[in-house]
Amino acid sequence: MIDETLQELWSVKDNLAKEHAYDLDSLVDYLKKKYNLERETIQTPVLSSIESKFEIT
């Protein structure tokens, strides 16, 4: 029996891939834009600390 959590994660993954026509470049662009939007709305000391240690673009 497949764990319900894993099944849901696979479903989300499959839907994202399908929405972007299974094009990795398109998916990466989408995720970068999503990350940047969320980063603009959520600025915390922890996030700033992480960003200073790693180059996140």
N, C-alpha and C. Protein backbone atom coordinates (compact mmCIF):
# COMPACT_ATOMS: atom_id res chain seq x y z
N MET A 1 0.85 -1.19 0.00
CA MET A 1 0.00 0.00 0.00
C MET A 1 0.89 1.25 0.00
N ILE A 2 0.59 2.18 -0.90
CA ILE A 2 1.36 3.41 -1.02
C ILE A 2 0.92 4.39 0.06
N ASP A 3 1.89 4.98 0.71
CA ASP A 3 1.63 5.99 1.73
C ASP A 3 0.86 7.15 1.08
N GLU A 4 -0.19 7.61 1.74
CA GLU A 4 -1.02 8.70 1.21
C GLU A 4 -0.23 9.98 0.99
N THR A 5 0.71 10.25 1.87
CA THR A 5 1.52 11.46 1.73
C THR A 5 2.37 11.39 0.47
N LEU A 6 3.02 10.25 0.25
CA LEU A 6 3.82 10.08 -0.96
C LEU A 6 2.96 10.17 -2.20
N GLN A 7 1.79 9.58 -2.14
CA GLN A 7 0.88 9.61 -3.28
C GLN A 7 0.51 11.06 -3.61
N GLU A 8 0.24 11.86 -2.60
CA GLU A 8 -0.10 13.26 -2.82
C GLU A 8 1.09 14.03 -3.39
N LEU A 9 2.28 13.79 -2.86
CA LEU A 9 3.48 14.45 -3.38
C LEU A 9 3.71 14.10 -4.84
N TRP A 10 3.57 12.83 -5.19
CA TRP A 10 3.74 12.41 -6.58
C TRP A 10 2.70 13.07 -7.47
N SER A 11 1.51 13.20 -6.97
CA SER A 11 0.44 13.84 -7.74
C SER A 11 0.77 15.31 -8.01
N VAL A 12 1.25 16.01 -6.99
CA VAL A 12 1.64 17.41 -7.15
C VAL A 12 2.78 17.52 -8.16
N LYS A 13 3.77 16.66 -8.02
CA LYS A 13 4.92 16.65 -8.94
C LYS A 13 4.46 16.40 -10.37
N ASP A 14 3.61 15.40 -10.55
CA ASP A 14 3.12 15.06 -11.88
C ASP A 14 2.30 16.20 -12.49
N ASN A 15 1.47 16.83 -11.67
CA ASN A 15 0.66 17.95 -12.16
C ASN A 15 1.52 19.14 -12.56
N LEU A 16 2.54 19.45 -11.76
CA LEU A 16 3.45 20.54 -12.11
C LEU A 16 4.16 20.25 -13.42
N ALA A 17 4.64 19.03 -13.56
CA ALA A 17 5.34 18.64 -14.80
C ALA A 17 4.40 18.77 -16.00
N LYS A 18 3.18 18.31 -15.85
CA LYS A 18 2.20 18.37 -16.94
C LYS A 18 1.87 19.82 -17.29
N GLU A 19 1.70 20.68 -16.27
CA GLU A 19 1.38 22.09 -16.50
C GLU A 19 2.47 22.79 -17.30
N HIS A 20 3.70 22.29 -17.21
CA HIS A 20 4.83 22.91 -17.91
C HIS A 20 5.29 22.05 -19.09
N ALA A 21 4.38 21.23 -19.59
CA ALA A 21 4.62 20.39 -20.77
C ALA A 21 5.90 19.56 -20.62
N TYR A 22 6.18 19.16 -19.39
CA TYR A 22 7.34 18.32 -19.09
C TYR A 22 8.65 18.98 -19.52
N ASP A 23 8.64 20.32 -19.57
CA ASP A 23 9.81 21.10 -19.95
C ASP A 23 10.51 21.59 -18.69
N LEU A 24 11.70 21.08 -18.45
CA LEU A 24 12.42 21.39 -17.23
C LEU A 24 12.75 22.88 -17.13
N ASP A 25 13.14 23.50 -18.24
CA ASP A 25 13.46 24.93 -18.21
C ASP A 25 12.25 25.76 -17.80
N SER A 26 11.09 25.42 -18.33
CA SER A 26 9.87 26.12 -17.98
C SER A 26 9.54 25.94 -16.49
N LEU A 27 9.70 24.74 -16.02
CA LEU A 27 9.42 24.46 -14.61
C LEU A 27 10.38 25.22 -13.69
N VAL A 28 11.65 25.24 -14.05
CA VAL A 28 12.64 25.96 -13.24
C VAL A 28 12.32 27.46 -13.22
N ASP A 29 11.98 28.02 -14.37
CA ASP A 29 11.61 29.45 -14.42
C ASP A 29 10.41 29.73 -13.52
N TYR A 30 9.41 28.87 -13.58
CA TYR A 30 8.21 29.02 -12.74
C TYR A 30 8.59 28.99 -11.25
N LEU A 31 9.40 28.01 -10.87
CA LEU A 31 9.78 27.87 -9.46
C LEU A 31 10.63 29.03 -8.98
N LYS A 32 11.51 29.55 -9.84
CA LYS A 32 12.31 30.72 -9.46
C LYS A 32 11.41 31.93 -9.23
N LYS A 33 10.44 32.14 -10.13
CA LYS A 33 9.52 33.27 -9.96
C LYS A 33 8.70 33.12 -8.68
N LYS A 34 8.24 31.93 -8.44
CA LYS A 34 7.45 31.66 -7.23
C LYS A 34 8.30 31.91 -5.98
N TYR A 35 9.55 31.44 -6.00
CA TYR A 35 10.45 31.64 -4.87
C TYR A 35 10.68 33.13 -4.64
N ASN A 36 10.93 33.88 -5.70
CA ASN A 36 11.19 35.31 -5.56
C ASN A 36 9.98 36.06 -5.03
N LEU A 37 8.78 35.70 -5.47
CA LEU A 37 7.56 36.34 -4.95
C LEU A 37 7.40 36.07 -3.47
N GLU A 38 7.61 34.82 -3.07
CA GLU A 38 7.47 34.48 -1.66
C GLU A 38 8.56 35.14 -0.83
N ARG A 39 9.75 35.22 -1.37
CA ARG A 39 10.87 35.84 -0.66
C ARG A 39 10.61 37.32 -0.43
N GLU A 40 9.96 37.97 -1.38
CA GLU A 40 9.65 39.39 -1.22
C GLU A 40 8.64 39.62 -0.10
N THR A 41 7.72 38.68 0.08
CA THR A 41 6.68 38.87 1.10
C THR A 41 7.12 38.36 2.47
N ILE A 42 8.11 37.47 2.49
CA ILE A 42 8.55 36.90 3.76
C ILE A 42 10.04 37.18 3.93
N GLN A 43 10.36 38.22 4.65
CA GLN A 43 11.76 38.52 4.95
C GLN A 43 11.98 38.29 6.43
N THR A 44 12.79 37.31 6.74
CA THR A 44 13.08 37.01 8.13
C THR A 44 14.59 36.99 8.32
N PRO A 45 15.05 37.16 9.54
CA PRO A 45 16.49 37.06 9.80
C PRO A 45 17.06 35.71 9.37
N VAL A 46 16.29 34.66 9.53
CA VAL A 46 16.77 33.34 9.16
C VAL A 46 16.98 33.27 7.65
N LEU A 47 16.03 33.76 6.87
CA LEU A 47 16.16 33.74 5.42
C LEU A 47 17.35 34.59 4.99
N SER A 48 17.53 35.74 5.58
CA SER A 48 18.66 36.59 5.24
C SER A 48 19.97 35.90 5.57
N SER A 49 20.00 35.20 6.67
CA SER A 49 21.21 34.47 7.06
C SER A 49 21.53 33.37 6.07
N ILE A 50 20.53 32.65 5.64
CA ILE A 50 20.73 31.57 4.66
C ILE A 50 21.21 32.16 3.34
N GLU A 51 20.59 33.24 2.91
CA GLU A 51 20.96 33.83 1.63
C GLU A 51 22.39 34.36 1.66
N SER A 52 22.84 34.82 2.80
CA SER A 52 24.21 35.33 2.87
C SER A 52 25.23 34.20 2.79
N LYS A 53 24.84 32.99 3.15
CA LYS A 53 25.75 31.86 3.10
C LYS A 53 25.75 31.18 1.73
N PHE A 54 24.62 31.23 1.04
CA PHE A 54 24.47 30.59 -0.25
C PHE A 54 24.02 31.59 -1.28
N GLU A 55 24.52 31.46 -2.49
CA GLU A 55 24.06 32.34 -3.56
C GLU A 55 22.74 31.81 -4.08
N ILE A 56 21.64 32.46 -3.75
CA ILE A 56 20.33 32.07 -4.23
C ILE A 56 19.85 33.16 -5.18
N THR A 57 19.67 32.79 -6.44
CA THR A 57 19.23 33.77 -7.43
C THR A 57 17.95 33.32 -8.06
